[in-house]
Amino acid sequence: MSDLRISEAFLYMDYLRMSECIQISFAVCRIGIYTCFRALCCKGPPPARPEYDLVCIGLTGSGKTSLLSKLCSESPDSVVSTTGADNIRKYWSRYYQGSQGVIFVLDSASSEDDLETARNELHSALQHPQLCTLPFLILANHQDKPAARSVQEVKKYFELEPLARGKRWILQPCSLDDMEALKDSFSQLINLLEEKDHEAVRM
């Protein structure tokens, strides 16, 4: 199994208005897969493994920061939710270049309006020229909440079968309380990334 190194680099944009600097936290994370995942199951120095540059996207409140912090064995209690990012989603594509895979986090317990917005954003990402050929890990987060939709409900609502036909994608349930499921999700993503590498070598 490959190892994970997840380094969050939330992007900050400064806007000056009326002599005040307003800092907005961007919801796009650049992620390198390599070492951090080892903290969950392994000890000792990691062996040499491929590294993958991923982009993690999702609406505010979907749980991106908490999930990645948990993977890095950081306490989610210290995580401050990103705010204001939904207003600048149109800039997400500026950070797609060079990505080798995509993690899309959605709140499975969100309102119908937010779920619709998430569906539109995922559809846009799946069809984006810089992302459409990449492996996707779609995480239906907050499965521990009473209002959470099941994976089958999310798959049907997001129309993933017809839209993503022929693409490499995984839809997995997750929550902060179920790290085994989260580890399994990332293991499956690594497999997709490695398969894509092997196909590129054969070509």
N, C-alpha and C. Protein backbone atom coordinates (compact mmCIF):
# COMPACT_ATOMS: atom_id res chain seq x y z
N MET A 1 0.85 -1.20 0.00
CA MET A 1 0.00 0.00 0.00
C MET A 1 0.88 1.25 0.00
N SER A 2 0.54 2.22 -0.82
CA SER A 2 1.26 3.47 -0.80
C SER A 2 0.94 4.24 0.48
N ASP A 3 1.80 5.18 0.83
CA ASP A 3 1.61 5.98 2.03
C ASP A 3 1.07 7.35 1.65
N LEU A 4 0.57 8.07 2.66
CA LEU A 4 0.00 9.38 2.40
C LEU A 4 0.75 10.46 3.13
N ARG A 5 1.08 11.51 2.43
CA ARG A 5 1.54 12.73 3.07
C ARG A 5 0.56 13.80 2.69
N ILE A 6 -0.16 14.33 3.66
CA ILE A 6 -1.18 15.33 3.37
C ILE A 6 -0.75 16.65 3.98
N SER A 7 -0.47 17.60 3.15
CA SER A 7 -0.07 18.92 3.64
C SER A 7 -1.08 19.93 3.15
N GLU A 8 -1.81 20.51 4.07
CA GLU A 8 -2.82 21.49 3.70
C GLU A 8 -2.14 22.81 3.41
N ALA A 9 -2.58 23.44 2.33
CA ALA A 9 -2.07 24.76 1.99
C ALA A 9 -3.27 25.62 1.61
N PHE A 10 -4.09 25.92 2.60
CA PHE A 10 -5.25 26.75 2.31
C PHE A 10 -4.75 28.10 1.80
N LEU A 11 -5.38 28.54 0.74
CA LEU A 11 -4.95 29.75 0.06
C LEU A 11 -5.70 30.95 0.62
N TYR A 12 -4.97 31.98 0.84
CA TYR A 12 -5.59 33.16 1.42
C TYR A 12 -5.54 34.32 0.42
N MET A 13 -6.66 35.03 0.30
CA MET A 13 -6.73 36.19 -0.59
C MET A 13 -7.05 37.41 0.27
N ASP A 14 -6.23 38.43 0.12
CA ASP A 14 -6.41 39.65 0.91
C ASP A 14 -7.12 40.70 0.08
N TYR A 15 -8.16 41.22 0.61
CA TYR A 15 -8.88 42.31 -0.04
C TYR A 15 -8.79 43.54 0.86
N LEU A 16 -8.41 44.68 0.26
CA LEU A 16 -8.31 45.92 1.01
C LEU A 16 -9.57 46.75 0.72
N ARG A 17 -10.28 47.08 1.75
CA ARG A 17 -11.48 47.91 1.60
C ARG A 17 -11.59 48.79 2.82
N MET A 18 -11.72 50.12 2.58
CA MET A 18 -11.86 51.09 3.66
C MET A 18 -10.73 50.90 4.67
N SER A 19 -9.50 50.74 4.15
CA SER A 19 -8.29 50.63 4.96
C SER A 19 -8.27 49.40 5.86
N GLU A 20 -9.13 48.44 5.59
CA GLU A 20 -9.15 47.22 6.38
C GLU A 20 -8.76 46.05 5.49
N CYS A 21 -7.99 45.12 6.05
CA CYS A 21 -7.58 43.94 5.31
C CYS A 21 -8.51 42.79 5.70
N ILE A 22 -9.29 42.32 4.75
CA ILE A 22 -10.22 41.23 5.01
C ILE A 22 -9.63 39.96 4.43
N GLN A 23 -9.37 38.99 5.26
CA GLN A 23 -8.75 37.75 4.82
C GLN A 23 -9.80 36.67 4.64
N ILE A 24 -9.80 36.10 3.45
CA ILE A 24 -10.77 35.06 3.12
C ILE A 24 -10.04 33.75 2.91
N SER A 25 -10.48 32.72 3.58
CA SER A 25 -9.85 31.41 3.47
C SER A 25 -10.45 30.63 2.32
N PHE A 26 -9.60 30.21 1.40
CA PHE A 26 -10.06 29.50 0.22
C PHE A 26 -10.30 28.03 0.54
N ALA A 27 -11.31 27.43 -0.09
CA ALA A 27 -11.70 26.06 0.21
C ALA A 27 -10.97 25.03 -0.64
N VAL A 28 -9.94 25.44 -1.38
CA VAL A 28 -9.20 24.49 -2.20
C VAL A 28 -7.93 24.11 -1.48
N CYS A 29 -7.70 22.83 -1.30
CA CYS A 29 -6.50 22.32 -0.64
C CYS A 29 -5.63 21.64 -1.66
N ARG A 30 -4.33 21.89 -1.62
CA ARG A 30 -3.40 21.11 -2.41
C ARG A 30 -2.89 19.99 -1.52
N ILE A 31 -2.94 18.78 -1.99
CA ILE A 31 -2.61 17.63 -1.17
C ILE A 31 -1.58 16.78 -1.87
N GLY A 32 -0.52 16.39 -1.16
CA GLY A 32 0.44 15.43 -1.68
C GLY A 32 0.29 14.13 -0.92
N ILE A 33 0.06 13.03 -1.65
CA ILE A 33 -0.09 11.73 -1.00
C ILE A 33 1.28 11.12 -0.76
N TYR A 34 1.57 10.77 0.50
CA TYR A 34 2.81 10.06 0.79
C TYR A 34 2.90 9.53 2.21
N THR A 35 3.10 10.39 3.24
CA THR A 35 3.51 9.92 4.55
C THR A 35 2.46 9.99 5.65
N CYS A 36 1.61 11.00 5.62
CA CYS A 36 0.74 11.25 6.77
C CYS A 36 -0.15 10.06 7.12
N PHE A 37 -0.58 9.34 6.11
CA PHE A 37 -1.47 8.20 6.32
C PHE A 37 -0.81 7.15 7.22
N ARG A 38 0.51 7.07 7.20
CA ARG A 38 1.22 6.10 8.02
C ARG A 38 0.97 6.30 9.50
N ALA A 39 0.72 7.52 9.91
CA ALA A 39 0.49 7.79 11.33
C ALA A 39 -0.72 7.04 11.86
N LEU A 40 -1.62 6.66 10.96
CA LEU A 40 -2.83 5.97 11.37
C LEU A 40 -2.60 4.47 11.59
N CYS A 41 -1.58 3.91 10.93
CA CYS A 41 -1.46 2.46 10.99
C CYS A 41 -0.03 1.95 11.06
N CYS A 42 0.94 2.80 10.92
CA CYS A 42 2.32 2.33 10.80
C CYS A 42 3.25 3.15 11.68
N LYS A 43 4.44 2.61 11.90
CA LYS A 43 5.47 3.30 12.64
C LYS A 43 6.77 3.18 11.86
N GLY A 44 7.73 4.06 12.20
CA GLY A 44 9.02 4.00 11.54
C GLY A 44 9.03 4.84 10.28
N PRO A 45 10.22 5.04 9.71
CA PRO A 45 10.34 5.86 8.50
C PRO A 45 9.66 5.20 7.32
N PRO A 46 8.97 6.00 6.49
CA PRO A 46 8.27 5.43 5.35
C PRO A 46 9.23 5.01 4.25
N PRO A 47 8.92 3.93 3.53
CA PRO A 47 9.73 3.56 2.38
C PRO A 47 9.48 4.52 1.22
N ALA A 48 10.34 4.47 0.24
CA ALA A 48 10.18 5.35 -0.91
C ALA A 48 8.92 4.94 -1.68
N ARG A 49 8.02 5.88 -1.87
CA ARG A 49 6.78 5.63 -2.58
C ARG A 49 6.48 6.80 -3.51
N PRO A 50 5.64 6.56 -4.52
CA PRO A 50 5.24 7.68 -5.39
C PRO A 50 4.48 8.74 -4.59
N GLU A 51 4.62 9.96 -5.00
CA GLU A 51 3.83 11.04 -4.43
C GLU A 51 2.85 11.53 -5.48
N TYR A 52 1.66 11.91 -5.03
CA TYR A 52 0.64 12.38 -5.94
C TYR A 52 0.14 13.74 -5.47
N ASP A 53 -0.04 14.61 -6.41
CA ASP A 53 -0.53 15.96 -6.11
C ASP A 53 -2.03 15.98 -6.39
N LEU A 54 -2.83 16.17 -5.34
CA LEU A 54 -4.28 16.16 -5.46
C LEU A 54 -4.86 17.52 -5.13
N VAL A 55 -6.07 17.74 -5.58
CA VAL A 55 -6.80 18.94 -5.19
C VAL A 55 -8.05 18.48 -4.46
N CYS A 56 -8.34 19.11 -3.31
CA CYS A 56 -9.51 18.77 -2.50
C CYS A 56 -10.48 19.94 -2.54
N ILE A 57 -11.70 19.69 -3.00
CA ILE A 57 -12.69 20.75 -3.13
C ILE A 57 -14.01 20.33 -2.49
N GLY A 58 -14.84 21.31 -2.19
CA GLY A 58 -16.12 21.06 -1.56
C GLY A 58 -16.65 22.34 -0.96
N LEU A 59 -17.95 22.38 -0.72
CA LEU A 59 -18.56 23.58 -0.17
C LEU A 59 -18.12 23.81 1.27
N THR A 60 -18.27 25.04 1.72
CA THR A 60 -18.01 25.36 3.12
C THR A 60 -18.91 24.52 4.01
N GLY A 61 -18.32 23.92 5.04
CA GLY A 61 -19.09 23.10 5.97
C GLY A 61 -19.16 21.63 5.60
N SER A 62 -18.56 21.27 4.46
CA SER A 62 -18.60 19.86 4.05
C SER A 62 -17.68 19.00 4.90
N GLY A 63 -16.69 19.62 5.55
CA GLY A 63 -15.82 18.87 6.44
C GLY A 63 -14.43 18.58 5.89
N LYS A 64 -14.01 19.28 4.86
CA LYS A 64 -12.70 19.05 4.25
C LYS A 64 -11.57 19.16 5.26
N THR A 65 -11.53 20.28 5.96
CA THR A 65 -10.42 20.54 6.89
C THR A 65 -10.39 19.53 8.01
N SER A 66 -11.54 19.20 8.56
CA SER A 66 -11.59 18.25 9.68
C SER A 66 -11.12 16.87 9.25
N LEU A 67 -11.55 16.42 8.07
CA LEU A 67 -11.15 15.11 7.60
C LEU A 67 -9.65 15.02 7.36
N LEU A 68 -9.10 16.05 6.73
CA LEU A 68 -7.67 16.03 6.44
C LEU A 68 -6.85 16.14 7.72
N SER A 69 -7.34 16.93 8.67
CA SER A 69 -6.64 17.04 9.95
C SER A 69 -6.65 15.70 10.69
N LYS A 70 -7.79 15.01 10.61
CA LYS A 70 -7.91 13.70 11.25
C LYS A 70 -6.94 12.71 10.62
N LEU A 71 -6.81 12.75 9.31
CA LEU A 71 -5.88 11.87 8.62
C LEU A 71 -4.44 12.13 9.05
N CYS A 72 -4.16 13.38 9.38
CA CYS A 72 -2.81 13.76 9.82
C CYS A 72 -2.66 13.60 11.33
N SER A 73 -3.63 12.96 11.96
CA SER A 73 -3.60 12.73 13.41
C SER A 73 -3.59 14.02 14.22
N GLU A 74 -4.20 15.06 13.67
CA GLU A 74 -4.37 16.30 14.40
C GLU A 74 -5.77 16.31 15.01
N SER A 75 -5.92 16.97 16.13
CA SER A 75 -7.21 17.01 16.80
C SER A 75 -8.19 17.87 16.01
N PRO A 76 -9.36 17.33 15.64
CA PRO A 76 -10.36 18.13 14.94
C PRO A 76 -10.94 19.24 15.80
N ASP A 77 -10.73 19.16 17.12
CA ASP A 77 -11.25 20.19 18.01
C ASP A 77 -10.58 21.54 17.78
N SER A 78 -9.36 21.50 17.24
CA SER A 78 -8.61 22.74 17.02
C SER A 78 -8.86 23.32 15.63
N VAL A 79 -9.68 22.65 14.85
CA VAL A 79 -9.92 23.08 13.48
C VAL A 79 -10.94 24.21 13.46
N VAL A 80 -10.61 25.27 12.72
CA VAL A 80 -11.55 26.38 12.51
C VAL A 80 -12.11 26.24 11.11
N SER A 81 -13.41 26.14 10.99
CA SER A 81 -14.04 25.95 9.69
C SER A 81 -13.74 27.12 8.76
N THR A 82 -13.45 26.80 7.49
CA THR A 82 -13.22 27.85 6.51
C THR A 82 -14.52 28.58 6.23
N THR A 83 -14.41 29.88 6.03
CA THR A 83 -15.61 30.68 5.78
C THR A 83 -15.36 31.59 4.58
N GLY A 84 -16.43 31.95 3.92
CA GLY A 84 -16.32 32.88 2.79
C GLY A 84 -15.93 32.23 1.49
N ALA A 85 -15.55 30.97 1.52
CA ALA A 85 -15.01 30.33 0.31
C ALA A 85 -16.05 30.15 -0.77
N ASP A 86 -17.30 29.94 -0.38
CA ASP A 86 -18.31 29.69 -1.40
C ASP A 86 -18.50 30.90 -2.32
N ASN A 87 -18.12 32.09 -1.87
CA ASN A 87 -18.27 33.29 -2.69
C ASN A 87 -17.25 33.37 -3.81
N ILE A 88 -16.19 32.56 -3.71
CA ILE A 88 -15.13 32.63 -4.72
C ILE A 88 -14.90 31.27 -5.36
N ARG A 89 -15.96 30.47 -5.47
CA ARG A 89 -15.81 29.17 -6.11
C ARG A 89 -15.38 29.29 -7.56
N LYS A 90 -15.68 30.43 -8.18
CA LYS A 90 -15.31 30.60 -9.58
C LYS A 90 -13.79 30.59 -9.78
N TYR A 91 -13.03 30.77 -8.68
CA TYR A 91 -11.57 30.76 -8.79
C TYR A 91 -10.97 29.37 -8.56
N TRP A 92 -11.79 28.37 -8.22
CA TRP A 92 -11.25 27.04 -7.94
C TRP A 92 -10.37 26.54 -9.07
N SER A 93 -10.80 26.74 -10.31
CA SER A 93 -10.10 26.15 -11.45
C SER A 93 -8.67 26.66 -11.60
N ARG A 94 -8.35 27.77 -10.98
CA ARG A 94 -6.98 28.29 -11.06
C ARG A 94 -5.98 27.37 -10.37
N TYR A 95 -6.48 26.49 -9.52
CA TYR A 95 -5.60 25.63 -8.74
C TYR A 95 -5.67 24.17 -9.18
N TYR A 96 -6.28 23.92 -10.34
CA TYR A 96 -6.40 22.56 -10.84
C TYR A 96 -5.14 22.09 -11.56
N GLN A 97 -4.40 23.03 -12.13
CA GLN A 97 -3.27 22.65 -12.97
C GLN A 97 -2.25 21.82 -12.19
N GLY A 98 -1.81 20.73 -12.77
CA GLY A 98 -0.81 19.88 -12.14
C GLY A 98 -1.37 18.82 -11.22
N SER A 99 -2.70 18.83 -11.02
CA SER A 99 -3.31 17.82 -10.15
C SER A 99 -3.29 16.46 -10.82
N GLN A 100 -3.13 15.42 -10.00
CA GLN A 100 -3.16 14.05 -10.50
C GLN A 100 -4.41 13.29 -10.04
N GLY A 101 -5.17 13.91 -9.15
CA GLY A 101 -6.40 13.31 -8.65
C GLY A 101 -7.22 14.35 -7.93
N VAL A 102 -8.48 14.01 -7.66
CA VAL A 102 -9.41 14.96 -7.05
C VAL A 102 -10.13 14.30 -5.87
N ILE A 103 -10.22 15.03 -4.77
CA ILE A 103 -11.06 14.63 -3.64
C ILE A 103 -12.19 15.65 -3.54
N PHE A 104 -13.41 15.17 -3.67
CA PHE A 104 -14.57 16.05 -3.55
C PHE A 104 -15.33 15.65 -2.30
N VAL A 105 -15.45 16.58 -1.36
CA VAL A 105 -16.13 16.30 -0.08
C VAL A 105 -17.50 16.98 -0.09
N LEU A 106 -18.52 16.21 0.20
CA LEU A 106 -19.87 16.77 0.27
C LEU A 106 -20.49 16.43 1.62
N ASP A 107 -21.37 17.30 2.05
CA ASP A 107 -22.09 17.11 3.32
C ASP A 107 -23.36 16.33 3.02
N SER A 108 -23.37 15.04 3.36
CA SER A 108 -24.53 14.20 3.05
C SER A 108 -25.76 14.55 3.88
N ALA A 109 -25.58 15.39 4.90
CA ALA A 109 -26.71 15.78 5.75
C ALA A 109 -27.12 17.23 5.52
N SER A 110 -26.67 17.82 4.43
CA SER A 110 -26.94 19.23 4.18
C SER A 110 -28.37 19.45 3.68
N SER A 111 -28.72 20.71 3.54
CA SER A 111 -30.05 21.07 3.03
C SER A 111 -30.16 20.70 1.55
N GLU A 112 -31.38 20.67 1.04
CA GLU A 112 -31.59 20.36 -0.37
C GLU A 112 -30.89 21.39 -1.26
N ASP A 113 -30.94 22.66 -0.87
CA ASP A 113 -30.30 23.71 -1.66
C ASP A 113 -28.79 23.51 -1.73
N ASP A 114 -28.17 23.21 -0.57
CA ASP A 114 -26.72 23.01 -0.56
C ASP A 114 -26.34 21.75 -1.32
N LEU A 115 -27.17 20.73 -1.21
CA LEU A 115 -26.88 19.49 -1.94
C LEU A 115 -26.96 19.73 -3.45
N GLU A 116 -27.90 20.54 -3.86
CA GLU A 116 -28.02 20.88 -5.27
C GLU A 116 -26.79 21.65 -5.75
N THR A 117 -26.32 22.58 -4.92
CA THR A 117 -25.12 23.34 -5.27
C THR A 117 -23.91 22.42 -5.36
N ALA A 118 -23.80 21.50 -4.41
CA ALA A 118 -22.69 20.55 -4.43
C ALA A 118 -22.74 19.68 -5.68
N ARG A 119 -23.93 19.26 -6.07
CA ARG A 119 -24.08 18.45 -7.28
C ARG A 119 -23.60 19.22 -8.50
N ASN A 120 -24.00 20.48 -8.60
CA ASN A 120 -23.57 21.29 -9.74
C ASN A 120 -22.06 21.46 -9.78
N GLU A 121 -21.45 21.67 -8.61
CA GLU A 121 -20.00 21.85 -8.56
C GLU A 121 -19.27 20.55 -8.91
N LEU A 122 -19.79 19.42 -8.45
CA LEU A 122 -19.16 18.15 -8.79
C LEU A 122 -19.30 17.87 -10.29
N HIS A 123 -20.45 18.15 -10.85
CA HIS A 123 -20.63 17.97 -12.29
C HIS A 123 -19.64 18.82 -13.07
N SER A 124 -19.46 20.06 -12.62
CA SER A 124 -18.51 20.95 -13.29
C SER A 124 -17.09 20.40 -13.21
N ALA A 125 -16.72 19.88 -12.04
CA ALA A 125 -15.38 19.34 -11.85
C ALA A 125 -15.16 18.10 -12.72
N LEU A 126 -16.16 17.22 -12.77
CA LEU A 126 -16.04 15.99 -13.55
C LEU A 126 -15.89 16.27 -15.05
N GLN A 127 -16.39 17.42 -15.48
CA GLN A 127 -16.32 17.76 -16.90
C GLN A 127 -15.25 18.81 -17.22
N HIS A 128 -14.51 19.26 -16.18
CA HIS A 128 -13.49 20.28 -16.41
C HIS A 128 -12.34 19.69 -17.22
N PRO A 129 -11.83 20.40 -18.21
CA PRO A 129 -10.76 19.86 -19.06
C PRO A 129 -9.52 19.40 -18.30
N GLN A 130 -9.21 20.06 -17.19
CA GLN A 130 -8.01 19.70 -16.43
C GLN A 130 -8.25 18.57 -15.43
N LEU A 131 -9.51 18.20 -15.21
CA LEU A 131 -9.83 17.19 -14.21
C LEU A 131 -10.54 15.97 -14.77
N CYS A 132 -11.12 16.07 -15.94
CA CYS A 132 -12.04 15.03 -16.42
C CYS A 132 -11.37 13.67 -16.61
N THR A 133 -10.07 13.61 -16.78
CA THR A 133 -9.39 12.32 -16.96
C THR A 133 -8.75 11.81 -15.67
N LEU A 134 -8.93 12.53 -14.56
CA LEU A 134 -8.27 12.17 -13.31
C LEU A 134 -9.16 11.29 -12.43
N PRO A 135 -8.56 10.49 -11.55
CA PRO A 135 -9.34 9.73 -10.57
C PRO A 135 -10.02 10.67 -9.57
N PHE A 136 -11.26 10.34 -9.21
CA PHE A 136 -12.03 11.13 -8.25
C PHE A 136 -12.34 10.26 -7.04
N LEU A 137 -12.11 10.82 -5.86
CA LEU A 137 -12.62 10.23 -4.63
C LEU A 137 -13.70 11.18 -4.11
N ILE A 138 -14.94 10.71 -4.10
CA ILE A 138 -16.07 11.52 -3.65
C ILE A 138 -16.48 11.02 -2.27
N LEU A 139 -16.35 11.88 -1.28
CA LEU A 139 -16.62 11.50 0.11
C LEU A 139 -17.96 12.06 0.56
N ALA A 140 -18.91 11.18 0.85
CA ALA A 140 -20.20 11.59 1.41
C ALA A 140 -20.03 11.69 2.92
N ASN A 141 -19.65 12.88 3.37
CA ASN A 141 -19.27 13.09 4.77
C ASN A 141 -20.49 13.28 5.68
N HIS A 142 -20.22 13.25 6.98
CA HIS A 142 -21.23 13.45 8.02
C HIS A 142 -22.27 12.33 8.04
N GLN A 143 -21.80 11.10 7.79
CA GLN A 143 -22.70 9.95 7.83
C GLN A 143 -23.20 9.65 9.24
N ASP A 144 -22.57 10.27 10.24
CA ASP A 144 -22.99 10.05 11.62
C ASP A 144 -24.17 10.93 12.01
N LYS A 145 -24.61 11.82 11.12
CA LYS A 145 -25.73 12.70 11.43
C LYS A 145 -27.06 12.04 11.03
N PRO A 146 -28.11 12.31 11.80
CA PRO A 146 -29.41 11.67 11.52
C PRO A 146 -29.95 11.94 10.12
N ALA A 147 -29.67 13.14 9.59
CA ALA A 147 -30.22 13.52 8.28
C ALA A 147 -29.36 13.07 7.11
N ALA A 148 -28.31 12.31 7.37
CA ALA A 148 -27.38 11.92 6.31
C ALA A 148 -28.05 11.05 5.25
N ARG A 149 -27.76 11.34 3.98
CA ARG A 149 -28.23 10.48 2.90
C ARG A 149 -27.27 9.31 2.75
N SER A 150 -27.80 8.18 2.36
CA SER A 150 -26.97 7.01 2.13
C SER A 150 -26.15 7.20 0.86
N VAL A 151 -25.16 6.35 0.68
CA VAL A 151 -24.35 6.41 -0.53
C VAL A 151 -25.22 6.19 -1.77
N GLN A 152 -26.15 5.27 -1.70
CA GLN A 152 -27.03 5.01 -2.83
C GLN A 152 -27.90 6.23 -3.16
N GLU A 153 -28.36 6.91 -2.12
CA GLU A 153 -29.16 8.12 -2.34
C GLU A 153 -28.32 9.21 -2.97
N VAL A 154 -27.08 9.37 -2.50
CA VAL A 154 -26.18 10.38 -3.07
C VAL A 154 -25.86 10.04 -4.52
N LYS A 155 -25.57 8.77 -4.79
CA LYS A 155 -25.24 8.36 -6.15
C LYS A 155 -26.38 8.67 -7.11
N LYS A 156 -27.60 8.38 -6.68
CA LYS A 156 -28.76 8.63 -7.53
C LYS A 156 -29.01 10.12 -7.70
N TYR A 157 -28.94 10.87 -6.60
CA TYR A 157 -29.22 12.31 -6.67
C TYR A 157 -28.17 13.03 -7.52
N PHE A 158 -26.92 12.62 -7.39
CA PHE A 158 -25.83 13.27 -8.13
C PHE A 158 -25.69 12.74 -9.55
N GLU A 159 -26.52 11.75 -9.91
CA GLU A 159 -26.51 11.17 -11.26
C GLU A 159 -25.11 10.72 -11.66
N LEU A 160 -24.44 10.04 -10.75
CA LEU A 160 -23.04 9.68 -11.00
C LEU A 160 -22.88 8.58 -12.04
N GLU A 161 -23.79 7.63 -12.07
CA GLU A 161 -23.63 6.52 -13.01
C GLU A 161 -23.59 7.01 -14.46
N PRO A 162 -24.57 7.82 -14.91
CA PRO A 162 -24.50 8.27 -16.30
C PRO A 162 -23.42 9.33 -16.54
N LEU A 163 -23.24 10.23 -15.57
CA LEU A 163 -22.31 11.34 -15.77
C LEU A 163 -20.86 10.89 -15.76
N ALA A 164 -20.52 9.98 -14.86
CA ALA A 164 -19.13 9.58 -14.69
C ALA A 164 -18.80 8.26 -15.37
N ARG A 165 -19.66 7.82 -16.27
CA ARG A 165 -19.40 6.55 -16.96
C ARG A 165 -18.09 6.65 -17.74
N GLY A 166 -17.23 5.67 -17.58
CA GLY A 166 -15.95 5.67 -18.26
C GLY A 166 -14.85 6.40 -17.52
N LYS A 167 -15.19 7.03 -16.40
CA LYS A 167 -14.20 7.74 -15.60
C LYS A 167 -13.80 6.89 -14.40
N ARG A 168 -12.67 7.24 -13.79
CA ARG A 168 -12.23 6.57 -12.57
C ARG A 168 -12.77 7.35 -11.38
N TRP A 169 -13.70 6.76 -10.63
CA TRP A 169 -14.25 7.47 -9.49
C TRP A 169 -14.70 6.48 -8.43
N ILE A 170 -14.69 6.97 -7.19
CA ILE A 170 -15.12 6.19 -6.03
C ILE A 170 -16.03 7.08 -5.21
N LEU A 171 -17.16 6.56 -4.80
CA LEU A 171 -18.05 7.26 -3.87
C LEU A 171 -18.06 6.47 -2.57
N GLN A 172 -17.63 7.12 -1.49
CA GLN A 172 -17.53 6.44 -0.22
C GLN A 172 -18.19 7.24 0.90
N PRO A 173 -18.85 6.55 1.86
CA PRO A 173 -19.38 7.24 3.04
C PRO A 173 -18.24 7.50 4.01
N CYS A 174 -18.35 8.55 4.81
CA CYS A 174 -17.32 8.78 5.81
C CYS A 174 -17.84 9.70 6.91
N SER A 175 -17.13 9.69 8.01
CA SER A 175 -17.37 10.59 9.13
C SER A 175 -16.12 10.60 9.99
N LEU A 176 -16.01 11.57 10.85
CA LEU A 176 -14.84 11.65 11.72
C LEU A 176 -14.78 10.48 12.69
N ASP A 177 -15.93 9.85 12.93
CA ASP A 177 -15.98 8.75 13.89
C ASP A 177 -15.60 7.40 13.29
N ASP A 178 -15.41 7.37 11.98
CA ASP A 178 -15.12 6.09 11.32
C ASP A 178 -13.84 6.21 10.49
N MET A 179 -12.70 6.12 11.17
CA MET A 179 -11.43 6.28 10.49
C MET A 179 -11.11 5.09 9.60
N GLU A 180 -11.63 3.92 9.92
CA GLU A 180 -11.37 2.75 9.08
C GLU A 180 -11.96 2.97 7.69
N ALA A 181 -13.16 3.52 7.63
CA ALA A 181 -13.79 3.80 6.35
C ALA A 181 -13.00 4.85 5.58
N LEU A 182 -12.49 5.85 6.29
CA LEU A 182 -11.71 6.90 5.64
C LEU A 182 -10.40 6.35 5.09
N LYS A 183 -9.74 5.50 5.88
CA LYS A 183 -8.49 4.87 5.42
C LYS A 183 -8.75 4.01 4.19
N ASP A 184 -9.86 3.28 4.22
CA ASP A 184 -10.19 2.43 3.08
C ASP A 184 -10.45 3.27 1.83
N SER A 185 -11.09 4.42 2.01
CA SER A 185 -11.36 5.31 0.87
C SER A 185 -10.06 5.77 0.22
N PHE A 186 -9.11 6.17 1.05
CA PHE A 186 -7.84 6.65 0.51
C PHE A 186 -7.02 5.51 -0.08
N SER A 187 -7.15 4.33 0.46
CA SER A 187 -6.47 3.17 -0.13
C SER A 187 -7.00 2.91 -1.53
N GLN A 188 -8.31 3.01 -1.71
CA GLN A 188 -8.90 2.81 -3.02
C GLN A 188 -8.47 3.90 -4.00
N LEU A 189 -8.35 5.14 -3.50
CA LEU A 189 -7.89 6.23 -4.35
C LEU A 189 -6.46 5.97 -4.81
N ILE A 190 -5.62 5.53 -3.88
CA ILE A 190 -4.24 5.21 -4.24
C ILE A 190 -4.19 4.15 -5.34
N ASN A 191 -5.04 3.15 -5.22
CA ASN A 191 -5.09 2.11 -6.25
C ASN A 191 -5.44 2.68 -7.61
N LEU A 192 -6.39 3.60 -7.64
CA LEU A 192 -6.76 4.23 -8.91
C LEU A 192 -5.60 5.05 -9.48
N LEU A 193 -4.89 5.76 -8.61
CA LEU A 193 -3.76 6.57 -9.06
C LEU A 193 -2.64 5.68 -9.61
N GLU A 194 -2.40 4.57 -8.94
CA GLU A 194 -1.35 3.67 -9.39
C GLU A 194 -1.74 2.99 -10.69
N GLU A 195 -3.02 2.64 -10.84
CA GLU A 195 -3.49 2.05 -12.09
C GLU A 195 -3.30 3.03 -13.24
N LYS A 196 -3.59 4.30 -13.00
CA LYS A 196 -3.42 5.32 -14.05
C LYS A 196 -1.95 5.44 -14.41
N ASP A 197 -1.05 5.37 -13.42
CA ASP A 197 0.38 5.43 -13.69
C ASP A 197 0.82 4.25 -14.56
N HIS A 198 0.34 3.06 -14.20
CA HIS A 198 0.72 1.86 -14.95
C HIS A 198 0.24 1.93 -16.40
N GLU A 199 -0.96 2.46 -16.60
CA GLU A 199 -1.49 2.59 -17.96
C GLU A 199 -0.65 3.57 -18.76
N ALA A 200 -0.22 4.65 -18.10
CA ALA A 200 0.61 5.65 -18.80
C ALA A 200 1.95 5.04 -19.21
N VAL A 201 2.51 4.18 -18.37
CA VAL A 201 3.78 3.52 -18.68
C VAL A 201 3.62 2.59 -19.88
N ARG A 202 2.51 1.84 -19.91
CA ARG A 202 2.27 0.90 -21.01
C ARG A 202 2.10 1.62 -22.34
N MET A 203 1.56 2.83 -22.26
CA MET A 203 1.36 3.61 -23.48
C MET A 203 2.68 4.19 -23.95
